[in-house]
């Protein structure tokens, strides 16, 4: 029986061995893993702080997005902005409508179009949501100084706005 080698687990070139696309140690892999772990940690912190509000992170994101539009958005607008399929928005709107945070309303210009409006309860939930998000972020950012937070913010902005994957 053949023994498994590290190259079998990591592909034809291990993380330290040069290959056609790997000319040295893999420094981006561990960084990507750290970013994933941080994202998961932030998600757990947000979930913990949102739970008392009766909101999931996805519902809070949709609620914040509804508030960002100058006029009540269509479900298709929300799906596009959130980069999700329309069915996912329908499920989130159903839950937020059930708890009284949003309501579906016909578009005055085209009654076949449904728009999503914040309710007074939804606006109150947004205020509580902002405080919960700040608390979750503080949980994560506590070890950083104000200057480090500023630098991190600039770096994250560069990554978010960067060129993206190369073709």
N, C-alpha and C. Protein backbone atom coordinates (compact mmCIF):
# COMPACT_ATOMS: atom_id res chain seq x y z
N UNK A 1 0.84 -1.18 0.00
CA UNK A 1 0.00 0.00 0.00
C UNK A 1 0.89 1.24 0.00
N UNK A 2 0.52 2.23 -0.77
CA UNK A 2 1.31 3.45 -0.94
C UNK A 2 1.07 4.40 0.22
N UNK A 3 2.15 5.01 0.75
CA UNK A 3 2.03 5.99 1.83
C UNK A 3 1.61 7.33 1.24
N UNK A 4 0.82 8.06 2.01
CA UNK A 4 0.44 9.41 1.58
C UNK A 4 1.58 10.36 1.90
N UNK A 5 1.94 11.16 0.96
CA UNK A 5 2.97 12.17 1.14
C UNK A 5 2.34 13.54 1.21
N UNK A 6 3.05 14.50 1.76
CA UNK A 6 2.54 15.87 1.85
C UNK A 6 2.16 16.40 0.48
N UNK A 7 2.93 16.02 -0.55
CA UNK A 7 2.61 16.51 -1.89
C UNK A 7 1.27 15.96 -2.37
N UNK A 8 0.84 14.80 -1.86
CA UNK A 8 -0.46 14.27 -2.23
C UNK A 8 -1.58 15.10 -1.61
N UNK A 9 -1.34 15.61 -0.42
CA UNK A 9 -2.35 16.39 0.28
C UNK A 9 -2.45 17.80 -0.27
N UNK A 10 -1.29 18.38 -0.59
CA UNK A 10 -1.25 19.79 -1.02
C UNK A 10 -1.17 19.96 -2.53
N UNK A 11 -1.27 18.90 -3.28
CA UNK A 11 -1.13 19.00 -4.73
C UNK A 11 0.28 18.58 -5.11
N UNK A 12 0.65 18.80 -6.35
CA UNK A 12 1.95 18.35 -6.83
C UNK A 12 3.10 19.10 -6.19
N UNK A 13 2.88 20.32 -5.74
CA UNK A 13 3.92 21.10 -5.07
C UNK A 13 3.45 21.41 -3.67
N UNK A 14 4.24 21.07 -2.68
CA UNK A 14 3.89 21.40 -1.30
C UNK A 14 3.99 22.89 -1.10
N UNK A 15 3.60 23.39 0.08
CA UNK A 15 3.59 24.83 0.29
C UNK A 15 4.97 25.46 0.24
N UNK A 16 6.03 24.69 0.49
CA UNK A 16 7.37 25.25 0.50
C UNK A 16 8.15 24.96 -0.78
N UNK A 17 7.67 24.04 -1.61
CA UNK A 17 8.46 23.66 -2.78
C UNK A 17 8.06 24.47 -4.00
N UNK A 18 9.05 24.90 -4.77
CA UNK A 18 8.73 25.70 -5.95
C UNK A 18 8.04 24.86 -7.00
N UNK A 19 7.16 25.47 -7.71
CA UNK A 19 6.45 24.86 -8.82
C UNK A 19 6.20 25.93 -9.83
N UNK A 20 5.46 25.61 -10.89
CA UNK A 20 5.24 26.61 -11.92
C UNK A 20 4.57 27.88 -11.41
N UNK A 21 3.69 27.77 -10.42
CA UNK A 21 3.00 28.95 -9.91
C UNK A 21 3.42 29.26 -8.48
N UNK A 22 4.42 28.57 -7.96
CA UNK A 22 4.82 28.76 -6.58
C UNK A 22 6.34 28.79 -6.52
N UNK A 23 6.89 29.98 -6.48
CA UNK A 23 8.34 30.09 -6.52
C UNK A 23 8.97 30.27 -5.15
N UNK A 24 8.22 30.10 -4.10
CA UNK A 24 8.77 30.24 -2.76
C UNK A 24 7.74 29.86 -1.72
N UNK A 25 8.00 30.24 -0.48
CA UNK A 25 7.05 29.90 0.58
C UNK A 25 5.68 30.52 0.33
N UNK A 26 4.66 29.81 0.75
CA UNK A 26 3.28 30.29 0.60
C UNK A 26 2.99 31.28 1.72
N UNK A 27 3.06 32.57 1.43
CA UNK A 27 2.77 33.58 2.44
C UNK A 27 1.34 34.07 2.36
N UNK A 28 0.71 33.97 1.19
CA UNK A 28 -0.66 34.44 1.04
C UNK A 28 -1.67 33.46 1.61
N UNK A 29 -1.37 32.17 1.56
CA UNK A 29 -2.28 31.16 2.09
C UNK A 29 -2.58 31.36 3.56
N UNK A 30 -1.56 31.48 4.41
CA UNK A 30 -1.82 31.72 5.83
C UNK A 30 -2.55 33.05 6.08
N UNK A 31 -2.24 34.07 5.29
CA UNK A 31 -2.92 35.36 5.44
C UNK A 31 -4.40 35.22 5.09
N UNK A 32 -4.68 34.51 4.01
CA UNK A 32 -6.07 34.27 3.62
C UNK A 32 -6.80 33.50 4.72
N UNK A 33 -6.13 32.53 5.31
CA UNK A 33 -6.73 31.75 6.39
C UNK A 33 -7.01 32.64 7.60
N UNK A 34 -6.10 33.55 7.91
CA UNK A 34 -6.32 34.48 9.02
C UNK A 34 -7.54 35.36 8.75
N UNK A 35 -7.66 35.84 7.52
CA UNK A 35 -8.81 36.67 7.16
C UNK A 35 -10.11 35.89 7.30
N UNK A 36 -10.11 34.64 6.87
CA UNK A 36 -11.30 33.80 7.01
C UNK A 36 -11.65 33.58 8.48
N UNK A 37 -10.63 33.29 9.29
CA UNK A 37 -10.87 33.08 10.72
C UNK A 37 -11.41 34.35 11.37
N UNK A 38 -10.85 35.51 11.00
CA UNK A 38 -11.32 36.77 11.55
C UNK A 38 -12.77 37.04 11.13
N UNK A 39 -13.09 36.76 9.88
CA UNK A 39 -14.45 36.94 9.39
C UNK A 39 -15.42 36.08 10.18
N UNK A 40 -15.05 34.82 10.39
CA UNK A 40 -15.91 33.92 11.19
C UNK A 40 -16.07 34.43 12.62
N UNK A 41 -14.98 34.91 13.20
CA UNK A 41 -15.03 35.43 14.57
C UNK A 41 -15.93 36.65 14.66
N UNK A 42 -15.81 37.56 13.68
CA UNK A 42 -16.67 38.75 13.65
C UNK A 42 -18.13 38.34 13.47
N UNK A 43 -18.39 37.37 12.62
CA UNK A 43 -19.75 36.89 12.40
C UNK A 43 -20.34 36.33 13.70
N UNK A 44 -19.54 35.55 14.43
CA UNK A 44 -20.02 35.00 15.71
C UNK A 44 -20.29 36.11 16.72
N UNK A 45 -19.42 37.12 16.77
CA UNK A 45 -19.62 38.24 17.69
C UNK A 45 -20.89 39.02 17.33
N UNK A 46 -21.08 39.27 16.04
CA UNK A 46 -22.29 39.97 15.61
C UNK A 46 -23.53 39.16 15.97
N UNK A 47 -23.47 37.88 15.70
CA UNK A 47 -24.61 37.00 15.99
C UNK A 47 -24.96 37.05 17.49
N UNK A 48 -23.93 37.03 18.33
CA UNK A 48 -24.13 37.07 19.79
C UNK A 48 -24.78 38.39 20.20
N UNK A 49 -24.35 39.51 19.60
CA UNK A 49 -24.91 40.81 19.96
C UNK A 49 -26.27 41.07 19.31
N UNK A 50 -26.56 40.41 18.19
CA UNK A 50 -27.84 40.61 17.51
C UNK A 50 -28.94 39.72 18.08
N UNK A 51 -28.55 38.61 18.70
CA UNK A 51 -29.53 37.65 19.20
C UNK A 51 -30.58 38.29 20.12
N UNK A 52 -30.18 39.15 21.07
CA UNK A 52 -31.20 39.78 21.93
C UNK A 52 -32.20 40.65 21.14
N UNK A 53 -31.78 41.09 19.96
CA UNK A 53 -32.68 41.92 19.13
C UNK A 53 -33.61 41.05 18.29
N UNK A 54 -33.38 39.76 18.27
CA UNK A 54 -34.20 38.86 17.47
C UNK A 54 -33.86 38.92 15.99
N UNK A 55 -32.63 39.32 15.67
CA UNK A 55 -32.20 39.43 14.28
C UNK A 55 -31.00 38.53 14.01
N UNK A 56 -30.95 38.01 12.80
CA UNK A 56 -29.77 37.29 12.35
C UNK A 56 -28.85 38.30 11.65
N UNK A 57 -27.58 37.96 11.46
CA UNK A 57 -26.71 38.87 10.71
C UNK A 57 -27.25 39.17 9.30
N UNK A 58 -27.82 38.18 8.64
CA UNK A 58 -28.35 38.40 7.29
C UNK A 58 -29.55 39.34 7.32
N UNK A 59 -30.42 39.18 8.32
CA UNK A 59 -31.57 40.08 8.45
C UNK A 59 -31.11 41.50 8.77
N UNK A 60 -30.09 41.62 9.61
CA UNK A 60 -29.60 42.96 9.95
C UNK A 60 -28.99 43.63 8.73
N UNK A 61 -28.31 42.85 7.91
CA UNK A 61 -27.71 43.41 6.69
C UNK A 61 -28.80 43.92 5.75
N UNK A 62 -29.88 43.14 5.60
CA UNK A 62 -30.97 43.56 4.73
C UNK A 62 -31.65 44.81 5.29
N UNK A 63 -31.86 44.84 6.58
CA UNK A 63 -32.49 46.00 7.20
C UNK A 63 -31.65 47.26 6.97
N UNK A 64 -30.34 47.14 7.15
CA UNK A 64 -29.45 48.27 6.90
C UNK A 64 -29.50 48.69 5.43
N UNK A 65 -29.57 47.71 4.55
CA UNK A 65 -29.59 48.00 3.12
C UNK A 65 -30.88 48.74 2.73
N UNK A 66 -32.01 48.32 3.28
CA UNK A 66 -33.28 49.01 2.99
C UNK A 66 -33.15 50.48 3.38
N UNK A 67 -32.50 50.74 4.51
CA UNK A 67 -32.35 52.11 4.99
C UNK A 67 -31.41 52.94 4.12
N UNK A 68 -30.55 52.30 3.34
CA UNK A 68 -29.57 53.02 2.51
C UNK A 68 -30.19 53.61 1.24
N UNK A 69 -31.31 53.10 0.81
CA UNK A 69 -31.92 53.58 -0.43
C UNK A 69 -32.68 54.88 -0.17
N UNK A 70 -32.64 55.83 -1.11
CA UNK A 70 -33.36 57.10 -0.93
C UNK A 70 -34.88 56.92 -0.93
N UNK A 71 -35.36 55.88 -1.61
CA UNK A 71 -36.78 55.56 -1.59
C UNK A 71 -36.89 54.05 -1.38
N UNK A 72 -38.02 53.56 -0.93
CA UNK A 72 -38.13 52.12 -0.67
C UNK A 72 -37.72 51.30 -1.91
N UNK A 73 -36.80 50.36 -1.71
CA UNK A 73 -36.30 49.57 -2.85
C UNK A 73 -37.24 48.43 -3.24
N UNK A 74 -37.04 47.98 -4.47
CA UNK A 74 -37.70 46.75 -4.93
C UNK A 74 -36.88 45.58 -4.41
N UNK A 75 -37.48 44.40 -4.35
CA UNK A 75 -36.76 43.20 -3.91
C UNK A 75 -35.57 42.95 -4.84
N UNK A 76 -35.76 43.18 -6.14
CA UNK A 76 -34.67 42.97 -7.10
C UNK A 76 -33.50 43.92 -6.82
N UNK A 77 -33.80 45.16 -6.41
CA UNK A 77 -32.74 46.12 -6.06
C UNK A 77 -31.93 45.59 -4.87
N UNK A 78 -32.64 45.05 -3.88
CA UNK A 78 -31.97 44.53 -2.69
C UNK A 78 -31.10 43.32 -3.04
N UNK A 79 -31.64 42.42 -3.85
CA UNK A 79 -30.88 41.23 -4.25
C UNK A 79 -29.61 41.63 -4.98
N UNK A 80 -29.73 42.58 -5.88
CA UNK A 80 -28.55 43.03 -6.64
C UNK A 80 -27.51 43.67 -5.72
N UNK A 81 -27.95 44.56 -4.85
CA UNK A 81 -27.03 45.27 -3.95
C UNK A 81 -26.37 44.32 -2.96
N UNK A 82 -27.13 43.33 -2.48
CA UNK A 82 -26.59 42.37 -1.52
C UNK A 82 -25.83 41.22 -2.20
N UNK A 83 -25.92 41.18 -3.52
CA UNK A 83 -25.26 40.13 -4.31
C UNK A 83 -25.72 38.74 -3.90
N UNK A 84 -27.06 38.60 -3.81
CA UNK A 84 -27.68 37.31 -3.51
C UNK A 84 -28.81 37.06 -4.50
N UNK A 85 -29.30 35.84 -4.51
CA UNK A 85 -30.42 35.52 -5.40
C UNK A 85 -31.70 36.12 -4.82
N UNK A 86 -32.65 36.48 -5.68
CA UNK A 86 -33.90 37.09 -5.20
C UNK A 86 -34.63 36.25 -4.15
N UNK A 87 -34.57 34.94 -4.26
CA UNK A 87 -35.25 34.08 -3.29
C UNK A 87 -34.71 34.31 -1.88
N UNK A 88 -33.42 34.56 -1.74
CA UNK A 88 -32.84 34.82 -0.42
C UNK A 88 -33.42 36.10 0.17
N UNK A 89 -33.63 37.10 -0.67
CA UNK A 89 -34.21 38.36 -0.20
C UNK A 89 -35.65 38.13 0.24
N UNK A 90 -36.38 37.33 -0.51
CA UNK A 90 -37.78 37.04 -0.15
C UNK A 90 -37.85 36.43 1.24
N UNK A 91 -36.99 35.46 1.51
CA UNK A 91 -36.97 34.80 2.82
C UNK A 91 -36.66 35.80 3.94
N UNK A 92 -35.67 36.68 3.71
CA UNK A 92 -35.30 37.68 4.71
C UNK A 92 -36.42 38.70 4.91
N UNK A 93 -37.03 39.15 3.83
CA UNK A 93 -38.13 40.11 3.94
C UNK A 93 -39.30 39.47 4.69
N UNK A 94 -39.58 38.20 4.40
CA UNK A 94 -40.67 37.50 5.12
C UNK A 94 -40.43 37.56 6.63
N UNK A 95 -39.20 37.26 7.05
CA UNK A 95 -38.87 37.25 8.48
C UNK A 95 -38.96 38.65 9.07
N UNK A 96 -38.43 39.65 8.36
CA UNK A 96 -38.48 41.02 8.87
C UNK A 96 -39.90 41.58 8.87
N UNK A 97 -40.70 41.15 7.92
CA UNK A 97 -42.10 41.58 7.90
C UNK A 97 -42.85 40.94 9.07
N UNK A 98 -42.54 39.68 9.36
CA UNK A 98 -43.20 38.98 10.47
C UNK A 98 -42.89 39.64 11.81
N UNK A 99 -41.67 40.19 11.96
CA UNK A 99 -41.36 40.84 13.24
C UNK A 99 -41.68 42.34 13.23
N UNK A 100 -42.27 42.82 12.13
CA UNK A 100 -42.75 44.21 12.08
C UNK A 100 -41.73 45.25 11.68
N UNK A 101 -40.55 44.82 11.20
CA UNK A 101 -39.50 45.78 10.85
C UNK A 101 -39.67 46.40 9.47
N UNK A 102 -40.27 45.66 8.54
CA UNK A 102 -40.51 46.16 7.19
C UNK A 102 -41.93 45.79 6.77
N UNK A 103 -42.37 46.43 5.69
CA UNK A 103 -43.66 46.06 5.09
C UNK A 103 -43.51 46.13 3.57
N UNK A 104 -44.25 45.31 2.91
CA UNK A 104 -44.32 45.34 1.45
C UNK A 104 -45.38 46.37 1.07
N UNK A 105 -45.06 47.20 0.08
CA UNK A 105 -46.00 48.22 -0.36
C UNK A 105 -45.96 48.31 -1.87
N UNK A 106 -47.12 48.46 -2.50
CA UNK A 106 -47.13 48.60 -3.96
C UNK A 106 -46.48 49.91 -4.38
N UNK A 107 -45.78 49.87 -5.50
CA UNK A 107 -45.15 51.07 -6.07
C UNK A 107 -46.28 51.96 -6.60
N UNK A 108 -46.31 53.24 -6.24
CA UNK A 108 -47.39 54.11 -6.72
C UNK A 108 -47.42 54.26 -8.25
N UNK A 109 -46.25 54.13 -8.90
CA UNK A 109 -46.19 54.30 -10.35
C UNK A 109 -46.52 53.01 -11.10
N UNK A 110 -46.35 51.86 -10.45
CA UNK A 110 -46.61 50.58 -11.10
C UNK A 110 -47.03 49.60 -10.01
N UNK A 111 -48.31 49.39 -9.89
CA UNK A 111 -48.84 48.58 -8.79
C UNK A 111 -48.40 47.12 -8.84
N UNK A 112 -47.82 46.68 -9.96
CA UNK A 112 -47.31 45.31 -10.03
C UNK A 112 -45.96 45.18 -9.31
N UNK A 113 -45.30 46.31 -9.08
CA UNK A 113 -43.99 46.32 -8.42
C UNK A 113 -44.20 46.48 -6.92
N UNK A 114 -43.51 45.66 -6.16
CA UNK A 114 -43.58 45.72 -4.70
C UNK A 114 -42.30 46.36 -4.17
N UNK A 115 -42.46 47.31 -3.29
CA UNK A 115 -41.33 47.97 -2.65
C UNK A 115 -41.29 47.57 -1.17
N UNK A 116 -40.10 47.65 -0.60
CA UNK A 116 -39.92 47.28 0.80
C UNK A 116 -39.67 48.54 1.62
N UNK A 117 -40.55 48.79 2.58
CA UNK A 117 -40.46 50.00 3.40
C UNK A 117 -40.09 49.65 4.83
N UNK A 118 -39.29 50.50 5.45
CA UNK A 118 -39.03 50.38 6.88
C UNK A 118 -40.25 50.85 7.65
N UNK A 119 -40.56 50.17 8.73
CA UNK A 119 -41.62 50.62 9.63
C UNK A 119 -40.96 51.41 10.77
N UNK A 120 -41.79 52.00 11.63
CA UNK A 120 -41.24 52.68 12.81
C UNK A 120 -40.46 51.67 13.66
N UNK A 121 -40.99 50.47 13.77
CA UNK A 121 -40.30 49.43 14.53
C UNK A 121 -38.96 49.09 13.87
N UNK A 122 -38.94 49.09 12.55
CA UNK A 122 -37.70 48.84 11.82
C UNK A 122 -36.66 49.92 12.05
N UNK A 123 -37.11 51.18 12.11
CA UNK A 123 -36.18 52.28 12.38
C UNK A 123 -35.62 52.18 13.81
N UNK A 124 -36.45 51.78 14.74
CA UNK A 124 -35.97 51.56 16.12
C UNK A 124 -34.99 50.40 16.16
N UNK A 125 -35.29 49.34 15.42
CA UNK A 125 -34.39 48.18 15.37
C UNK A 125 -33.05 48.58 14.78
N UNK A 126 -33.05 49.49 13.80
CA UNK A 126 -31.79 49.97 13.21
C UNK A 126 -30.91 50.66 14.23
N UNK A 127 -31.50 51.45 15.10
CA UNK A 127 -30.72 52.13 16.15
C UNK A 127 -30.08 51.10 17.08
N UNK A 128 -30.86 50.12 17.51
CA UNK A 128 -30.34 49.07 18.38
C UNK A 128 -29.30 48.24 17.65
N UNK A 129 -29.54 48.03 16.38
CA UNK A 129 -28.63 47.25 15.54
C UNK A 129 -27.27 47.94 15.43
N UNK A 130 -27.27 49.24 15.24
CA UNK A 130 -26.00 49.97 15.16
C UNK A 130 -25.19 49.82 16.44
N UNK A 131 -25.87 49.90 17.58
CA UNK A 131 -25.18 49.73 18.86
C UNK A 131 -24.63 48.30 18.99
N UNK A 132 -25.40 47.32 18.56
CA UNK A 132 -24.95 45.92 18.63
C UNK A 132 -23.76 45.69 17.72
N UNK A 133 -23.77 46.28 16.55
CA UNK A 133 -22.64 46.13 15.62
C UNK A 133 -21.38 46.79 16.16
N UNK A 134 -21.55 47.96 16.77
CA UNK A 134 -20.39 48.63 17.39
C UNK A 134 -19.81 47.77 18.51
N UNK A 135 -20.67 47.17 19.31
CA UNK A 135 -20.20 46.31 20.41
C UNK A 135 -19.48 45.08 19.86
N UNK A 136 -20.01 44.49 18.79
CA UNK A 136 -19.36 43.31 18.18
C UNK A 136 -18.00 43.70 17.60
N UNK A 137 -17.92 44.85 16.94
CA UNK A 137 -16.65 45.30 16.38
C UNK A 137 -15.65 45.58 17.50
N UNK A 138 -16.12 46.17 18.58
CA UNK A 138 -15.24 46.46 19.71
C UNK A 138 -14.68 45.16 20.30
N UNK A 139 -15.50 44.10 20.36
CA UNK A 139 -15.02 42.80 20.83
C UNK A 139 -13.79 42.36 20.04
N UNK A 140 -13.84 42.57 18.73
CA UNK A 140 -12.77 42.13 17.84
C UNK A 140 -11.59 43.09 17.87
N UNK A 141 -11.87 44.38 17.90
CA UNK A 141 -10.82 45.39 17.75
C UNK A 141 -10.15 45.82 19.05
N UNK A 142 -10.60 45.33 20.18
CA UNK A 142 -10.05 45.72 21.48
C UNK A 142 -8.53 45.71 21.55
N UNK A 143 -7.85 44.69 20.99
CA UNK A 143 -6.38 44.68 21.12
C UNK A 143 -5.66 45.77 20.32
N UNK A 144 -6.36 46.46 19.42
CA UNK A 144 -5.70 47.44 18.56
C UNK A 144 -5.81 48.86 19.11
N UNK A 145 -4.74 49.61 18.91
CA UNK A 145 -4.74 51.04 19.28
C UNK A 145 -5.55 51.80 18.22
N UNK A 146 -5.82 53.06 18.51
CA UNK A 146 -6.55 53.90 17.55
C UNK A 146 -5.79 53.99 16.23
N UNK A 147 -4.46 54.14 16.30
CA UNK A 147 -3.65 54.23 15.07
C UNK A 147 -3.69 52.90 14.30
N UNK A 148 -3.62 51.78 14.99
CA UNK A 148 -3.69 50.49 14.32
C UNK A 148 -5.05 50.29 13.65
N UNK A 149 -6.10 50.73 14.32
CA UNK A 149 -7.45 50.63 13.73
C UNK A 149 -7.54 51.46 12.46
N UNK A 150 -6.93 52.64 12.49
CA UNK A 150 -6.95 53.51 11.31
C UNK A 150 -6.22 52.83 10.14
N UNK A 151 -5.05 52.28 10.43
CA UNK A 151 -4.28 51.59 9.39
C UNK A 151 -5.05 50.37 8.87
N UNK A 152 -5.63 49.61 9.78
CA UNK A 152 -6.42 48.44 9.37
C UNK A 152 -7.58 48.87 8.47
N UNK A 153 -8.25 49.94 8.85
CA UNK A 153 -9.36 50.44 8.03
C UNK A 153 -8.90 50.81 6.63
N UNK A 154 -7.75 51.47 6.54
CA UNK A 154 -7.21 51.85 5.22
C UNK A 154 -6.85 50.61 4.40
N UNK A 155 -6.23 49.64 5.06
CA UNK A 155 -5.86 48.40 4.35
C UNK A 155 -7.10 47.65 3.87
N UNK A 156 -8.11 47.56 4.72
CA UNK A 156 -9.34 46.87 4.33
C UNK A 156 -10.04 47.60 3.18
N UNK A 157 -10.02 48.92 3.22
CA UNK A 157 -10.59 49.70 2.11
C UNK A 157 -9.87 49.39 0.81
N UNK A 158 -8.54 49.33 0.87
CA UNK A 158 -7.76 49.00 -0.33
C UNK A 158 -8.13 47.60 -0.84
N UNK A 159 -8.29 46.65 0.06
CA UNK A 159 -8.64 45.29 -0.36
C UNK A 159 -10.05 45.23 -0.95
N UNK A 160 -10.99 45.90 -0.30
CA UNK A 160 -12.37 45.89 -0.78
C UNK A 160 -12.48 46.57 -2.15
N UNK A 161 -11.76 47.67 -2.34
CA UNK A 161 -11.85 48.43 -3.58
C UNK A 161 -10.81 48.04 -4.62
N UNK A 162 -9.97 47.05 -4.28
CA UNK A 162 -8.88 46.67 -5.16
C UNK A 162 -9.32 46.10 -6.49
N UNK A 163 -8.36 45.70 -7.29
CA UNK A 163 -8.66 45.25 -8.64
C UNK A 163 -9.39 43.93 -8.70
N UNK A 164 -9.38 43.15 -7.64
CA UNK A 164 -10.08 41.86 -7.65
C UNK A 164 -9.27 40.80 -8.35
N UNK A 165 -9.91 39.67 -8.67
CA UNK A 165 -9.16 38.57 -9.30
C UNK A 165 -8.66 38.94 -10.68
N UNK A 166 -7.50 38.46 -10.99
CA UNK A 166 -6.93 38.72 -12.32
C UNK A 166 -7.35 37.62 -13.26
N UNK A 167 -7.61 38.00 -14.50
CA UNK A 167 -8.03 36.98 -15.46
C UNK A 167 -6.88 36.36 -16.19
